[in-house]
Full PDB file with SEQRES, HELIX, SHEET, SSBOND, CRYST1, ORIGX, SCALE, CONECT and MASTER records, all heavy atoms in Angstrom:
SEQRES   1 A   35  PHE PRO GLY GLY ALA SER GLY GLY ILE LEU PRO ALA SER          
SEQRES   2 A   35  LEU ALA ASP ILE PRO LEU ASP PHE ASP THR LEU HIS GLU          
SEQRES   3 A   35  TYR GLY CYS PHE ILE GLY SER ALA ALA                          
HELIX    1 AA1 ALA A    5  GLY A    7  5                                   3    
HELIX    2 AA2 ALA A   12  LEU A   14  5                                   3    
HELIX    3 AA3 HIS A   25  TYR A   27  5                                   3    
CRYST1    1.000    1.000    1.000  90.00  90.00  90.00 P 1           1          
ORIGX1      1.000000  0.000000  0.000000        0.00000                         
ORIGX2      0.000000  1.000000  0.000000        0.00000                         
ORIGX3      0.000000  0.000000  1.000000        0.00000                         
SCALE1      1.000000  0.000000  0.000000        0.00000                         
SCALE2      0.000000  1.000000  0.000000        0.00000                         
SCALE3      0.000000  0.000000  1.000000        0.00000                         
ATOM      1  N   PHE A   1      -4.194  -1.030   5.752  1.00  0.00           N  
ATOM      2  CA  PHE A   1      -4.669  -0.577   4.460  1.00  0.00           C  
ATOM      3  C   PHE A   1      -3.796   0.611   4.064  1.00  0.00           C  
ATOM      4  O   PHE A   1      -3.832   1.650   4.726  1.00  0.00           O  
ATOM      5  CB  PHE A   1      -6.123  -0.102   4.548  1.00  0.00           C  
ATOM      6  CG  PHE A   1      -7.158  -1.176   4.722  1.00  0.00           C  
ATOM      7  CD1 PHE A   1      -7.377  -1.759   5.961  1.00  0.00           C  
ATOM      8  CD2 PHE A   1      -7.954  -1.576   3.654  1.00  0.00           C  
ATOM      9  CE1 PHE A   1      -8.354  -2.726   6.141  1.00  0.00           C  
ATOM     10  CE2 PHE A   1      -8.940  -2.542   3.818  1.00  0.00           C  
ATOM     11  CZ  PHE A   1      -9.136  -3.125   5.059  1.00  0.00           C  
ATOM     12  N   PRO A   2      -3.022   0.539   2.988  1.00  0.00           N  
ATOM     13  CA  PRO A   2      -2.149   1.662   2.632  1.00  0.00           C  
ATOM     14  C   PRO A   2      -2.843   2.761   1.848  1.00  0.00           C  
ATOM     15  O   PRO A   2      -2.313   3.871   1.746  1.00  0.00           O  
ATOM     16  CB  PRO A   2      -1.067   1.002   1.781  1.00  0.00           C  
ATOM     17  CG  PRO A   2      -1.761  -0.143   1.131  1.00  0.00           C  
ATOM     18  CD  PRO A   2      -2.767  -0.635   2.137  1.00  0.00           C  
ATOM     19  N   GLY A   3      -4.030   2.467   1.293  1.00  0.00           N  
ATOM     20  CA  GLY A   3      -4.714   3.460   0.474  1.00  0.00           C  
ATOM     21  C   GLY A   3      -6.212   3.421   0.628  1.00  0.00           C  
ATOM     22  O   GLY A   3      -6.954   3.430  -0.356  1.00  0.00           O  
ATOM     23  N   GLY A   4      -6.684   3.381   1.878  1.00  0.00           N  
ATOM     24  CA  GLY A   4      -8.114   3.299   2.111  1.00  0.00           C  
ATOM     25  C   GLY A   4      -8.662   1.925   1.767  1.00  0.00           C  
ATOM     26  O   GLY A   4      -7.924   0.968   1.543  1.00  0.00           O  
ATOM     27  N   ALA A   5      -9.992   1.822   1.694  1.00  0.00           N  
ATOM     28  CA  ALA A   5     -10.630   0.526   1.463  1.00  0.00           C  
ATOM     29  C   ALA A   5     -10.222  -0.089   0.138  1.00  0.00           C  
ATOM     30  O   ALA A   5     -10.119  -1.314   0.005  1.00  0.00           O  
ATOM     31  CB  ALA A   5     -12.149   0.679   1.517  1.00  0.00           C  
ATOM     32  N   SER A   6      -9.969   0.749  -0.877  1.00  0.00           N  
ATOM     33  CA  SER A   6      -9.676   0.216  -2.210  1.00  0.00           C  
ATOM     34  C   SER A   6      -8.203  -0.098  -2.429  1.00  0.00           C  
ATOM     35  O   SER A   6      -7.850  -0.714  -3.434  1.00  0.00           O  
ATOM     36  CB  SER A   6     -10.144   1.210  -3.280  1.00  0.00           C  
ATOM     37  OG  SER A   6      -9.468   2.450  -3.147  1.00  0.00           O  
ATOM     38  N   GLY A   7      -7.328   0.304  -1.503  1.00  0.00           N  
ATOM     39  CA  GLY A   7      -5.893   0.163  -1.718  1.00  0.00           C  
ATOM     40  C   GLY A   7      -5.324  -1.196  -1.374  1.00  0.00           C  
ATOM     41  O   GLY A   7      -4.129  -1.421  -1.551  1.00  0.00           O  
ATOM     42  N   GLY A   8      -6.154  -2.126  -0.885  1.00  0.00           N  
ATOM     43  CA  GLY A   8      -5.659  -3.439  -0.496  1.00  0.00           C  
ATOM     44  C   GLY A   8      -5.218  -3.475   0.953  1.00  0.00           C  
ATOM     45  O   GLY A   8      -5.349  -2.484   1.688  1.00  0.00           O  
ATOM     46  N   ILE A   9      -4.690  -4.596   1.399  1.00  0.00           N  
ATOM     47  CA  ILE A   9      -4.253  -4.796   2.780  1.00  0.00           C  
ATOM     48  C   ILE A   9      -2.879  -5.457   2.753  1.00  0.00           C  
ATOM     49  O   ILE A   9      -2.674  -6.452   2.044  1.00  0.00           O  
ATOM     50  CB  ILE A   9      -5.236  -5.701   3.562  1.00  0.00           C  
ATOM     51  CG1 ILE A   9      -6.683  -5.239   3.357  1.00  0.00           C  
ATOM     52  CG2 ILE A   9      -4.894  -5.700   5.049  1.00  0.00           C  
ATOM     53  CD1 ILE A   9      -7.727  -6.178   3.946  1.00  0.00           C  
ATOM     54  N   LEU A  10      -1.958  -4.929   3.531  1.00  0.00           N  
ATOM     55  CA  LEU A  10      -0.613  -5.489   3.619  1.00  0.00           C  
ATOM     56  C   LEU A  10      -0.327  -5.972   5.034  1.00  0.00           C  
ATOM     57  O   LEU A  10      -0.826  -5.388   6.006  1.00  0.00           O  
ATOM     58  CB  LEU A  10       0.428  -4.448   3.208  1.00  0.00           C  
ATOM     59  CG  LEU A  10       0.446  -4.074   1.722  1.00  0.00           C  
ATOM     60  CD1 LEU A  10       1.377  -2.899   1.479  1.00  0.00           C  
ATOM     61  CD2 LEU A  10       0.839  -5.274   0.866  1.00  0.00           C  
ATOM     62  N   PRO A  11       0.488  -7.016   5.198  1.00  0.00           N  
ATOM     63  CA  PRO A  11       0.813  -7.532   6.531  1.00  0.00           C  
ATOM     64  C   PRO A  11       1.925  -6.726   7.178  1.00  0.00           C  
ATOM     65  O   PRO A  11       2.649  -5.969   6.513  1.00  0.00           O  
ATOM     66  CB  PRO A  11       1.271  -8.965   6.236  1.00  0.00           C  
ATOM     67  CG  PRO A  11       1.886  -8.866   4.880  1.00  0.00           C  
ATOM     68  CD  PRO A  11       1.077  -7.850   4.125  1.00  0.00           C  
ATOM     69  N   ALA A  12       2.101  -6.916   8.481  1.00  0.00           N  
ATOM     70  CA  ALA A  12       3.157  -6.228   9.227  1.00  0.00           C  
ATOM     71  C   ALA A  12       4.533  -6.547   8.674  1.00  0.00           C  
ATOM     72  O   ALA A  12       5.454  -5.720   8.757  1.00  0.00           O  
ATOM     73  CB  ALA A  12       3.077  -6.603  10.704  1.00  0.00           C  
ATOM     74  N   SER A  13       4.703  -7.707   8.083  1.00  0.00           N  
ATOM     75  CA  SER A  13       6.003  -8.083   7.518  1.00  0.00           C  
ATOM     76  C   SER A  13       6.395  -7.211   6.330  1.00  0.00           C  
ATOM     77  O   SER A  13       7.558  -7.186   5.927  1.00  0.00           O  
ATOM     78  CB  SER A  13       5.977  -9.553   7.078  1.00  0.00           C  
ATOM     79  OG  SER A  13       4.985  -9.771   6.091  1.00  0.00           O  
ATOM     80  N   LEU A  14       5.429  -6.452   5.767  1.00  0.00           N  
ATOM     81  CA  LEU A  14       5.701  -5.543   4.650  1.00  0.00           C  
ATOM     82  C   LEU A  14       5.508  -4.090   5.085  1.00  0.00           C  
ATOM     83  O   LEU A  14       5.075  -3.250   4.299  1.00  0.00           O  
ATOM     84  CB  LEU A  14       4.792  -5.876   3.464  1.00  0.00           C  
ATOM     85  CG  LEU A  14       5.015  -7.241   2.806  1.00  0.00           C  
ATOM     86  CD1 LEU A  14       4.013  -7.482   1.688  1.00  0.00           C  
ATOM     87  CD2 LEU A  14       6.439  -7.355   2.281  1.00  0.00           C  
ATOM     88  N   ALA A  15       5.849  -3.790   6.319  1.00  0.00           N  
ATOM     89  CA  ALA A  15       5.688  -2.434   6.842  1.00  0.00           C  
ATOM     90  C   ALA A  15       6.916  -1.568   6.634  1.00  0.00           C  
ATOM     91  O   ALA A  15       6.983  -0.452   7.142  1.00  0.00           O  
ATOM     92  CB  ALA A  15       5.342  -2.476   8.338  1.00  0.00           C  
ATOM     93  N   ASP A  16       7.907  -2.069   5.895  1.00  0.00           N  
ATOM     94  CA  ASP A  16       9.105  -1.284   5.589  1.00  0.00           C  
ATOM     95  C   ASP A  16       9.201  -0.941   4.105  1.00  0.00           C  
ATOM     96  O   ASP A  16      10.266  -0.566   3.619  1.00  0.00           O  
ATOM     97  CB  ASP A  16      10.364  -2.029   6.038  1.00  0.00           C  
ATOM     98  CG  ASP A  16      10.496  -2.054   7.564  1.00  0.00           C  
ATOM     99  OD1 ASP A  16      10.266  -0.995   8.182  1.00  0.00           O  
ATOM    100  OD2 ASP A  16      10.805  -3.115   8.110  1.00  0.00           O  
ATOM    101  N   ILE A  17       8.087  -1.034   3.400  1.00  0.00           N  
ATOM    102  CA  ILE A  17       8.044  -0.623   1.990  1.00  0.00           C  
ATOM    103  C   ILE A  17       7.856   0.889   1.936  1.00  0.00           C  
ATOM    104  O   ILE A  17       7.033   1.443   2.669  1.00  0.00           O  
ATOM    105  CB  ILE A  17       6.867  -1.306   1.265  1.00  0.00           C  
ATOM    106  CG1 ILE A  17       6.956  -2.823   1.398  1.00  0.00           C  
ATOM    107  CG2 ILE A  17       6.815  -0.887  -0.192  1.00  0.00           C  
ATOM    108  CD1 ILE A  17       5.702  -3.514   0.930  1.00  0.00           C  
ATOM    109  N   PRO A  18       8.584   1.609   1.084  1.00  0.00           N  
ATOM    110  CA  PRO A  18       8.330   3.045   0.924  1.00  0.00           C  
ATOM    111  C   PRO A  18       6.884   3.294   0.485  1.00  0.00           C  
ATOM    112  O   PRO A  18       6.394   2.647  -0.451  1.00  0.00           O  
ATOM    113  CB  PRO A  18       9.327   3.471  -0.159  1.00  0.00           C  
ATOM    114  CG  PRO A  18      10.407   2.450  -0.094  1.00  0.00           C  
ATOM    115  CD  PRO A  18       9.731   1.160   0.270  1.00  0.00           C  
ATOM    116  N   LEU A  19       6.221   4.206   1.153  1.00  0.00           N  
ATOM    117  CA  LEU A  19       4.828   4.517   0.842  1.00  0.00           C  
ATOM    118  C   LEU A  19       4.778   5.677  -0.146  1.00  0.00           C  
ATOM    119  O   LEU A  19       5.062   6.828   0.197  1.00  0.00           O  
ATOM    120  CB  LEU A  19       4.074   4.886   2.120  1.00  0.00           C  
ATOM    121  CG  LEU A  19       3.928   3.778   3.169  1.00  0.00           C  
ATOM    122  CD1 LEU A  19       3.337   4.329   4.452  1.00  0.00           C  
ATOM    123  CD2 LEU A  19       3.081   2.630   2.627  1.00  0.00           C  
ATOM    124  N   ASP A  20       4.420   5.363  -1.380  1.00  0.00           N  
ATOM    125  CA  ASP A  20       4.339   6.396  -2.403  1.00  0.00           C  
ATOM    126  C   ASP A  20       3.643   5.814  -3.623  1.00  0.00           C  
ATOM    127  O   ASP A  20       3.328   4.620  -3.673  1.00  0.00           O  
ATOM    128  CB  ASP A  20       5.753   6.885  -2.770  1.00  0.00           C  
ATOM    129  CG  ASP A  20       5.733   8.226  -3.512  1.00  0.00           C  
ATOM    130  OD1 ASP A  20       4.662   8.865  -3.536  1.00  0.00           O  
ATOM    131  OD2 ASP A  20       6.772   8.619  -4.071  1.00  0.00           O  
ATOM    132  N   PHE A  21       3.392   6.673  -4.605  1.00  0.00           N  
ATOM    133  CA  PHE A  21       2.866   6.189  -5.864  1.00  0.00           C  
ATOM    134  C   PHE A  21       3.815   5.146  -6.453  1.00  0.00           C  
ATOM    135  O   PHE A  21       5.037   5.295  -6.410  1.00  0.00           O  
ATOM    136  CB  PHE A  21       2.703   7.346  -6.855  1.00  0.00           C  
ATOM    137  CG  PHE A  21       1.728   8.402  -6.414  1.00  0.00           C  
ATOM    138  CD1 PHE A  21       2.158   9.684  -6.110  1.00  0.00           C  
ATOM    139  CD2 PHE A  21       0.379   8.119  -6.313  1.00  0.00           C  
ATOM    140  CE1 PHE A  21       1.263  10.660  -5.714  1.00  0.00           C  
ATOM    141  CE2 PHE A  21      -0.532   9.084  -5.915  1.00  0.00           C  
ATOM    142  CZ  PHE A  21      -0.090  10.366  -5.610  1.00  0.00           C  
ATOM    143  N   ASP A  22       3.259   4.115  -6.998  1.00  0.00           N  
ATOM    144  CA  ASP A  22       3.978   3.093  -7.782  1.00  0.00           C  
ATOM    145  C   ASP A  22       4.799   2.117  -6.948  1.00  0.00           C  
ATOM    146  O   ASP A  22       5.278   1.125  -7.501  1.00  0.00           O  
ATOM    147  CB  ASP A  22       4.911   3.745  -8.819  1.00  0.00           C  
ATOM    148  CG  ASP A  22       4.229   4.823  -9.650  1.00  0.00           C  
ATOM    149  OD1 ASP A  22       3.051   4.625  -9.998  1.00  0.00           O  
ATOM    150  OD2 ASP A  22       4.869   5.858  -9.930  1.00  0.00           O  
ATOM    151  N   THR A  23       4.975   2.337  -5.648  1.00  0.00           N  
ATOM    152  CA  THR A  23       5.841   1.452  -4.865  1.00  0.00           C  
ATOM    153  C   THR A  23       5.121   0.205  -4.358  1.00  0.00           C  
ATOM    154  O   THR A  23       5.779  -0.737  -3.904  1.00  0.00           O  
ATOM    155  CB  THR A  23       6.438   2.196  -3.661  1.00  0.00           C  
ATOM    156  OG1 THR A  23       5.374   2.645  -2.806  1.00  0.00           O  
ATOM    157  CG2 THR A  23       7.264   3.398  -4.111  1.00  0.00           C  
ATOM    158  N   LEU A  24       3.810   0.181  -4.408  1.00  0.00           N  
ATOM    159  CA  LEU A  24       3.049  -0.919  -3.812  1.00  0.00           C  
ATOM    160  C   LEU A  24       2.417  -1.842  -4.844  1.00  0.00           C  
ATOM    161  O   LEU A  24       1.814  -2.852  -4.486  1.00  0.00           O  
ATOM    162  CB  LEU A  24       1.946  -0.362  -2.902  1.00  0.00           C  
ATOM    163  CG  LEU A  24       2.395   0.619  -1.809  1.00  0.00           C  
ATOM    164  CD1 LEU A  24       1.195   1.135  -1.046  1.00  0.00           C  
ATOM    165  CD2 LEU A  24       3.377  -0.049  -0.866  1.00  0.00           C  
ATOM    166  N   HIS A  25       2.547  -1.504  -6.123  1.00  0.00           N  
ATOM    167  CA  HIS A  25       1.849  -2.272  -7.153  1.00  0.00           C  
ATOM    168  C   HIS A  25       2.283  -3.729  -7.176  1.00  0.00           C  
ATOM    169  O   HIS A  25       1.449  -4.625  -7.383  1.00  0.00           O  
ATOM    170  CB  HIS A  25       2.078  -1.626  -8.519  1.00  0.00           C  
ATOM    171  CG  HIS A  25       1.379  -0.309  -8.668  1.00  0.00           C  
ATOM    172  ND1 HIS A  25       1.569   0.526  -9.748  1.00  0.00           N  
ATOM    173  CD2 HIS A  25       0.494   0.327  -7.871  1.00  0.00           C  
ATOM    174  CE1 HIS A  25       0.840   1.605  -9.604  1.00  0.00           C  
ATOM    175  NE2 HIS A  25       0.182   1.515  -8.470  1.00  0.00           N  
ATOM    176  N   GLU A  26       3.552  -4.000  -6.981  1.00  0.00           N  
ATOM    177  CA  GLU A  26       4.018  -5.387  -7.045  1.00  0.00           C  
ATOM    178  C   GLU A  26       3.458  -6.238  -5.911  1.00  0.00           C  
ATOM    179  O   GLU A  26       3.509  -7.465  -5.965  1.00  0.00           O  
ATOM    180  CB  GLU A  26       5.545  -5.432  -7.019  1.00  0.00           C  
ATOM    181  CG  GLU A  26       6.179  -4.897  -5.744  1.00  0.00           C  
ATOM    182  CD  GLU A  26       7.705  -4.978  -5.794  1.00  0.00           C  
ATOM    183  OE1 GLU A  26       8.231  -6.104  -5.753  1.00  0.00           O  
ATOM    184  OE2 GLU A  26       8.345  -3.910  -5.866  1.00  0.00           O  
ATOM    185  N   TYR A  27       2.905  -5.584  -4.896  1.00  0.00           N  
ATOM    186  CA  TYR A  27       2.295  -6.311  -3.778  1.00  0.00           C  
ATOM    187  C   TYR A  27       0.772  -6.370  -3.899  1.00  0.00           C  
ATOM    188  O   TYR A  27       0.089  -6.809  -2.972  1.00  0.00           O  
ATOM    189  CB  TYR A  27       2.684  -5.645  -2.462  1.00  0.00           C  
ATOM    190  CG  TYR A  27       4.179  -5.517  -2.291  1.00  0.00           C  
ATOM    191  CD1 TYR A  27       4.828  -4.309  -2.566  1.00  0.00           C  
ATOM    192  CD2 TYR A  27       4.965  -6.596  -1.891  1.00  0.00           C  
ATOM    193  CE1 TYR A  27       6.202  -4.181  -2.426  1.00  0.00           C  
ATOM    194  CE2 TYR A  27       6.346  -6.480  -1.752  1.00  0.00           C  
ATOM    195  CZ  TYR A  27       6.952  -5.266  -2.026  1.00  0.00           C  
ATOM    196  OH  TYR A  27       8.320  -5.147  -1.896  1.00  0.00           O  
ATOM    197  N   GLY A  28       0.245  -5.902  -5.031  1.00  0.00           N  
ATOM    198  CA  GLY A  28      -1.192  -5.943  -5.248  1.00  0.00           C  
ATOM    199  C   GLY A  28      -1.943  -4.832  -4.567  1.00  0.00           C  
ATOM    200  O   GLY A  28      -3.160  -4.943  -4.366  1.00  0.00           O  
ATOM    201  N   CYS A  29      -1.261  -3.741  -4.207  1.00  0.00           N  
ATOM    202  CA  CYS A  29      -1.881  -2.629  -3.490  1.00  0.00           C  
ATOM    203  C   CYS A  29      -1.493  -1.303  -4.137  1.00  0.00           C  
ATOM    204  O   CYS A  29      -0.663  -1.254  -5.045  1.00  0.00           O  
ATOM    205  CB  CYS A  29      -1.453  -2.632  -2.018  1.00  0.00           C  
ATOM    206  SG  CYS A  29      -1.970  -4.101  -1.096  1.00  0.00           S  
ATOM    207  N   PHE A  30      -2.086  -0.219  -3.676  1.00  0.00           N  
ATOM    208  CA  PHE A  30      -1.670   1.116  -4.096  1.00  0.00           C  
ATOM    209  C   PHE A  30      -1.941   2.104  -2.976  1.00  0.00           C  
ATOM    210  O   PHE A  30      -2.739   1.847  -2.061  1.00  0.00           O  
ATOM    211  CB  PHE A  30      -2.364   1.547  -5.396  1.00  0.00           C  
ATOM    212  CG  PHE A  30      -3.868   1.589  -5.329  1.00  0.00           C  
ATOM    213  CD1 PHE A  30      -4.538   2.665  -4.762  1.00  0.00           C  
ATOM    214  CD2 PHE A  30      -4.620   0.559  -5.877  1.00  0.00           C  
ATOM    215  CE1 PHE A  30      -5.919   2.709  -4.729  1.00  0.00           C  
ATOM    216  CE2 PHE A  30      -6.005   0.592  -5.845  1.00  0.00           C  
ATOM    217  CZ  PHE A  30      -6.659   1.677  -5.270  1.00  0.00           C  
ATOM    218  N   ILE A  31      -1.279   3.282  -3.057  1.00  0.00           N  
ATOM    219  CA  ILE A  31      -1.384   4.257  -1.973  1.00  0.00           C  
ATOM    220  C   ILE A  31      -2.596   5.162  -2.128  1.00  0.00           C  
ATOM    221  O   ILE A  31      -3.126   5.672  -1.141  1.00  0.00           O  
ATOM    222  CB  ILE A  31      -0.089   5.087  -1.850  1.00  0.00           C  
ATOM    223  CG1 ILE A  31      -0.079   5.865  -0.535  1.00  0.00           C  
ATOM    224  CG2 ILE A  31       0.079   6.021  -3.049  1.00  0.00           C  
ATOM    225  CD1 ILE A  31       1.257   6.505  -0.221  1.00  0.00           C  
ATOM    226  N   GLY A  32      -3.053   5.397  -3.361  1.00  0.00           N  
ATOM    227  CA  GLY A  32      -4.243   6.218  -3.572  1.00  0.00           C  
ATOM    228  C   GLY A  32      -4.149   7.561  -2.888  1.00  0.00           C  
ATOM    229  O   GLY A  32      -3.218   8.334  -3.110  1.00  0.00           O  
ATOM    230  N   SER A  33      -5.093   7.852  -2.022  1.00  0.00           N  
ATOM    231  CA  SER A  33      -5.145   9.127  -1.305  1.00  0.00           C  
ATOM    232  C   SER A  33      -4.345   9.098  -0.012  1.00  0.00           C  
ATOM    233  O   SER A  33      -4.471  10.002   0.815  1.00  0.00           O  
ATOM    234  CB  SER A  33      -6.595   9.507  -1.001  1.00  0.00           C  
ATOM    235  OG  SER A  33      -7.215   8.489  -0.221  1.00  0.00           O  
ATOM    236  N   ALA A  34      -3.510   8.081   0.184  1.00  0.00           N  
ATOM    237  CA  ALA A  34      -2.657   7.950   1.378  1.00  0.00           C  
ATOM    238  C   ALA A  34      -3.472   7.852   2.655  1.00  0.00           C  
ATOM    239  O   ALA A  34      -3.145   8.457   3.670  1.00  0.00           O  
ATOM    240  CB  ALA A  34      -1.644   9.092   1.462  1.00  0.00           C  
ATOM    241  N   ALA A  35      -4.543   7.066   2.596  1.00  0.00           N  
ATOM    242  CA  ALA A  35      -5.365   6.804   3.779  1.00  0.00           C  
ATOM    243  C   ALA A  35      -4.875   5.517   4.429  1.00  0.00           C  
ATOM    244  O   ALA A  35      -5.092   4.426   3.910  1.00  0.00           O  
ATOM    245  CB  ALA A  35      -6.835   6.672   3.393  1.00  0.00           C  
TER     246      ALA A  35                                                      
MASTER        0    0    0    3    0    0    0    6  245    1    0    3          
END                                                                             
């Protein structure tokens, strides 16, 4: 979970995406509070 319960869930195959605002939207997720 890149952004807590509300931030969505990403697989290990996407563990090299930069974690920041706006970088996860195309994957259906967001960083939120960085939880």
